[in-house]
Amino acid sequence: RMLTHQAPIQSQFEKNLPNSLNAEIAMGNVTNEKEAADWLQYTYMFVRMYKTPQVYGITQADFDADPTLEKFRRKIIGVAADDIYRAKLIRKDNVKHNPNYNSTDLGRVAAKFYCTWQTVATFCSKDKFSVGLHENMD
């Protein structure tokens, strides 16, 4: 029965997109939003988004209006970039249409040692807390 009623395998890449984007920025392969959206086009996630857009929240009208899914790719790249920006893994400029991305030292370390952006964000927030606590004790 499993052979005849197979469910298609969907990509789980979106869950780890911020970490992969950080690694690409740290290596210098991606320097702006357009390059990141183009990079995303070469992933299995894009293949699945293109074949079954409704699974990824893309309506038929959205797909018809943007058959290359560039707007959607830029949107999810923007969300991932915002996550790693808040975690201080990248710097980005304030250009609205195609922001540039630059890795920070923290971002390069996180990419090299496979630290997730959530771990880095947690570490940074705890570090600030402990510094503040230590200063209050003096």
C-alpha atoms as a PDB file:
ATOM      1  CA  ARG A   1       0.000   0.000   0.000  1.00  0.00           C
ATOM      2  CA  MET A   2       2.845   2.423   0.757  1.00  0.00           C
ATOM      3  CA  LEU A   3       4.142   1.996  -2.780  1.00  0.00           C
ATOM      4  CA  THR A   4       0.913   3.055  -4.444  1.00  0.00           C
ATOM      5  CA  HIS A   5      -0.236   5.817  -2.073  1.00  0.00           C
ATOM      6  CA  GLN A   6       2.919   7.779  -1.479  1.00  0.00           C
ATOM      7  CA  ALA A   7       2.742  11.250  -0.021  1.00  0.00           C
ATOM      8  CA  PRO A   8       5.112  13.770  -1.597  1.00  0.00           C
ATOM      9  CA  ILE A   9       8.068  14.787   0.522  1.00  0.00           C
ATOM     10  CA  GLN A  10       8.011  18.479   1.380  1.00  0.00           C
ATOM     11  CA  SER A  11      11.077  20.508   2.201  1.00  0.00           C
ATOM     12  CA  GLN A  12      11.842  21.359   5.825  1.00  0.00           C
ATOM     13  CA  PHE A  13      14.477  23.899   4.781  1.00  0.00           C
ATOM     14  CA  GLU A  14      12.403  26.924   5.786  1.00  0.00           C
ATOM     15  CA  LYS A  15      12.915  26.020   9.464  1.00  0.00           C
ATOM     16  CA  ASN A  16      16.695  26.355   9.080  1.00  0.00           C
ATOM     17  CA  LEU A  17      16.747  29.064   6.437  1.00  0.00           C
ATOM     18  CA  PRO A  18      18.196  31.761   8.752  1.00  0.00           C
ATOM     19  CA  ASN A  19      21.147  29.524   9.664  1.00  0.00           C
ATOM     20  CA  SER A  20      21.861  28.625   6.048  1.00  0.00           C
ATOM     21  CA  LEU A  21      21.503  32.239   4.968  1.00  0.00           C
ATOM     22  CA  ASN A  22      23.961  33.276   7.676  1.00  0.00           C
ATOM     23  CA  ALA A  23      26.464  30.699   6.400  1.00  0.00           C
ATOM     24  CA  GLU A  24      26.097  31.914   2.808  1.00  0.00           C
ATOM     25  CA  ILE A  25      26.571  35.533   3.897  1.00  0.00           C
ATOM     26  CA  ALA A  26      29.566  34.602   6.075  1.00  0.00           C
ATOM     27  CA  MET A  27      31.211  32.811   3.125  1.00  0.00           C
ATOM     28  CA  GLY A  28      30.566  35.795   0.874  1.00  0.00           C
ATOM     29  CA  ASN A  29      28.312  33.890  -1.534  1.00  0.00           C
ATOM     30  CA  VAL A  30      25.331  36.145  -0.790  1.00  0.00           C
ATOM     31  CA  THR A  31      25.707  39.920  -0.363  1.00  0.00           C
ATOM     32  CA  ASN A  32      22.160  41.253  -0.858  1.00  0.00           C
ATOM     33  CA  GLU A  33      18.491  40.270  -0.910  1.00  0.00           C
ATOM     34  CA  LYS A  34      18.360  39.620  -4.654  1.00  0.00           C
ATOM     35  CA  GLU A  35      21.355  37.274  -4.517  1.00  0.00           C
ATOM     36  CA  ALA A  36      19.766  35.472  -1.570  1.00  0.00           C
ATOM     37  CA  ALA A  37      16.484  35.063  -3.476  1.00  0.00           C
ATOM     38  CA  ASP A  38      18.438  33.756  -6.483  1.00  0.00           C
ATOM     39  CA  TRP A  39      20.363  31.354  -4.214  1.00  0.00           C
ATOM     40  CA  LEU A  40      17.068  30.073  -2.801  1.00  0.00           C
ATOM     41  CA  GLN A  41      15.968  29.226  -6.338  1.00  0.00           C
ATOM     42  CA  TYR A  42      18.551  26.408  -6.408  1.00  0.00           C
ATOM     43  CA  THR A  43      17.163  24.603  -3.357  1.00  0.00           C
ATOM     44  CA  TYR A  44      14.783  21.680  -3.055  1.00  0.00           C
ATOM     45  CA  MET A  45      12.448  23.976  -1.151  1.00  0.00           C
ATOM     46  CA  PHE A  46      11.999  26.089  -4.277  1.00  0.00           C
ATOM     47  CA  VAL A  47      11.260  22.974  -6.334  1.00  0.00           C
ATOM     48  CA  ARG A  48       8.528  22.006  -3.877  1.00  0.00           C
ATOM     49  CA  MET A  49       7.192  25.610  -3.676  1.00  0.00           C
ATOM     50  CA  TYR A  50       6.948  25.664  -7.449  1.00  0.00           C
ATOM     51  CA  LYS A  51       5.199  22.273  -7.704  1.00  0.00           C
ATOM     52  CA  THR A  52       2.857  22.695  -4.727  1.00  0.00           C
ATOM     53  CA  PRO A  53       2.621  26.402  -3.902  1.00  0.00           C
ATOM     54  CA  GLN A  54      -0.494  26.006  -1.752  1.00  0.00           C
ATOM     55  CA  VAL A  55       1.482  23.962   0.814  1.00  0.00           C
ATOM     56  CA  TYR A  56       3.711  27.007   1.361  1.00  0.00           C
ATOM     57  CA  GLY A  57       0.825  29.461   1.653  1.00  0.00           C
ATOM     58  CA  ILE A  58       1.010  30.730  -1.924  1.00  0.00           C
ATOM     59  CA  THR A  59      -2.395  31.266  -3.516  1.00  0.00           C
ATOM     60  CA  GLN A  60      -3.072  30.505  -7.161  1.00  0.00           C
ATOM     61  CA  ALA A  61      -3.543  34.232  -7.805  1.00  0.00           C
ATOM     62  CA  ASP A  62      -0.119  34.957  -6.266  1.00  0.00           C
ATOM     63  CA  PHE A  63       1.434  32.199  -8.363  1.00  0.00           C
ATOM     64  CA  ASP A  64      -0.211  33.478 -11.542  1.00  0.00           C
ATOM     65  CA  ALA A  65       0.968  37.033 -10.830  1.00  0.00           C
ATOM     66  CA  ASP A  66       4.532  35.940 -10.001  1.00  0.00           C
ATOM     67  CA  PRO A  67       5.331  32.592 -11.681  1.00  0.00           C
ATOM     68  CA  THR A  68       9.008  32.724 -10.647  1.00  0.00           C
ATOM     69  CA  LEU A  69       7.916  33.268  -7.015  1.00  0.00           C
ATOM     70  CA  GLU A  70      10.504  36.041  -6.662  1.00  0.00           C
ATOM     71  CA  LYS A  71       8.311  38.163  -4.390  1.00  0.00           C
ATOM     72  CA  PHE A  72       7.651  35.183  -2.122  1.00  0.00           C
ATOM     73  CA  ARG A  73      11.334  34.193  -2.096  1.00  0.00           C
ATOM     74  CA  ARG A  74      12.320  37.765  -1.213  1.00  0.00           C
ATOM     75  CA  LYS A  75       9.696  37.822   1.531  1.00  0.00           C
ATOM     76  CA  ILE A  76      10.959  34.674   3.266  1.00  0.00           C
ATOM     77  CA  ILE A  77      14.577  35.778   2.775  1.00  0.00           C
ATOM     78  CA  GLY A  78      13.640  39.115   4.370  1.00  0.00           C
ATOM     79  CA  VAL A  79      12.156  37.347   7.399  1.00  0.00           C
ATOM     80  CA  ALA A  80      15.232  35.112   7.754  1.00  0.00           C
ATOM     81  CA  ALA A  81      17.571  38.103   7.357  1.00  0.00           C
ATOM     82  CA  ASP A  82      15.635  40.022  10.017  1.00  0.00           C
ATOM     83  CA  ASP A  83      16.056  37.086  12.415  1.00  0.00           C
ATOM     84  CA  ILE A  84      19.817  36.896  11.974  1.00  0.00           C
ATOM     85  CA  TYR A  85      20.108  40.701  11.985  1.00  0.00           C
ATOM     86  CA  ARG A  86      18.388  40.871  15.399  1.00  0.00           C
ATOM     87  CA  ALA A  87      20.782  38.156  16.616  1.00  0.00           C
ATOM     88  CA  LYS A  88      23.681  40.408  15.480  1.00  0.00           C
ATOM     89  CA  LEU A  89      24.982  37.841  12.978  1.00  0.00           C
ATOM     90  CA  ILE A  90      24.767  40.237  10.031  1.00  0.00           C
ATOM     91  CA  ARG A  91      24.660  43.947   9.291  1.00  0.00           C
ATOM     92  CA  LYS A  92      22.222  45.207   6.707  1.00  0.00           C
ATOM     93  CA  ASP A  93      21.673  48.646   5.289  1.00  0.00           C
ATOM     94  CA  ASN A  94      18.367  50.506   5.209  1.00  0.00           C
ATOM     95  CA  VAL A  95      17.747  50.170   1.467  1.00  0.00           C
ATOM     96  CA  LYS A  96      14.173  48.946   1.052  1.00  0.00           C
ATOM     97  CA  HIS A  97      14.301  47.302  -2.377  1.00  0.00           C
ATOM     98  CA  ASN A  98      17.534  45.312  -2.194  1.00  0.00           C
ATOM     99  CA  PRO A  99      19.307  45.582   1.181  1.00  0.00           C
ATOM    100  CA  ASN A 100      22.981  44.628   1.332  1.00  0.00           C
ATOM    101  CA  TYR A 101      24.112  42.004   3.833  1.00  0.00           C
ATOM    102  CA  ASN A 102      27.484  41.866   5.578  1.00  0.00           C
ATOM    103  CA  SER A 103      28.561  39.273   8.092  1.00  0.00           C
ATOM    104  CA  THR A 104      29.685  40.258  11.573  1.00  0.00           C
ATOM    105  CA  ASP A 105      32.441  38.478  13.475  1.00  0.00           C
ATOM    106  CA  LEU A 106      29.746  36.793  15.540  1.00  0.00           C
ATOM    107  CA  GLY A 107      28.018  35.649  12.336  1.00  0.00           C
ATOM    108  CA  ARG A 108      31.217  34.141  10.954  1.00  0.00           C
ATOM    109  CA  VAL A 109      31.872  32.312  14.231  1.00  0.00           C
ATOM    110  CA  ALA A 110      28.287  31.004  14.325  1.00  0.00           C
ATOM    111  CA  ALA A 111      28.578  29.761  10.741  1.00  0.00           C
ATOM    112  CA  LYS A 112      31.962  28.139  11.295  1.00  0.00           C
ATOM    113  CA  PHE A 113      30.935  26.296  14.455  1.00  0.00           C
ATOM    114  CA  TYR A 114      27.334  25.526  13.368  1.00  0.00           C
ATOM    115  CA  CYS A 115      25.692  27.588  16.105  1.00  0.00           C
ATOM    116  CA  THR A 116      22.052  28.349  15.384  1.00  0.00           C
ATOM    117  CA  TRP A 117      20.888  31.940  15.333  1.00  0.00           C
ATOM    118  CA  GLN A 118      18.557  31.182  18.262  1.00  0.00           C
ATOM    119  CA  THR A 119      21.482  29.948  20.361  1.00  0.00           C
ATOM    120  CA  VAL A 120      23.500  33.062  19.573  1.00  0.00           C
ATOM    121  CA  ALA A 121      20.525  35.323  20.350  1.00  0.00           C
ATOM    122  CA  THR A 122      19.972  33.543  23.672  1.00  0.00           C
ATOM    123  CA  PHE A 123      23.660  33.740  24.543  1.00  0.00           C
ATOM    124  CA  CYS A 124      23.813  37.453  23.738  1.00  0.00           C
ATOM    125  CA  SER A 125      20.717  38.241  25.781  1.00  0.00           C
ATOM    126  CA  LYS A 126      22.030  36.285  28.783  1.00  0.00           C
ATOM    127  CA  ASP A 127      25.433  37.951  28.471  1.00  0.00           C
ATOM    128  CA  LYS A 128      23.836  41.390  28.708  1.00  0.00           C
ATOM    129  CA  PHE A 129      21.796  40.246  31.694  1.00  0.00           C
ATOM    130  CA  SER A 130      24.814  38.913  33.574  1.00  0.00           C
ATOM    131  CA  VAL A 131      26.863  42.042  32.826  1.00  0.00           C
ATOM    132  CA  GLY A 132      24.026  44.196  34.130  1.00  0.00           C
ATOM    133  CA  LEU A 133      23.709  42.027  37.240  1.00  0.00           C
ATOM    134  CA  HIS A 134      27.446  42.175  37.887  1.00  0.00           C
ATOM    135  CA  GLU A 135      27.474  45.978  37.562  1.00  0.00           C
ATOM    136  CA  ASN A 136      24.584  46.251  40.009  1.00  0.00           C
ATOM    137  CA  MET A 137      26.477  44.220  42.619  1.00  0.00           C
ATOM    138  CA  ASP A 138      29.397  46.699  42.769  1.00  0.00           C
END
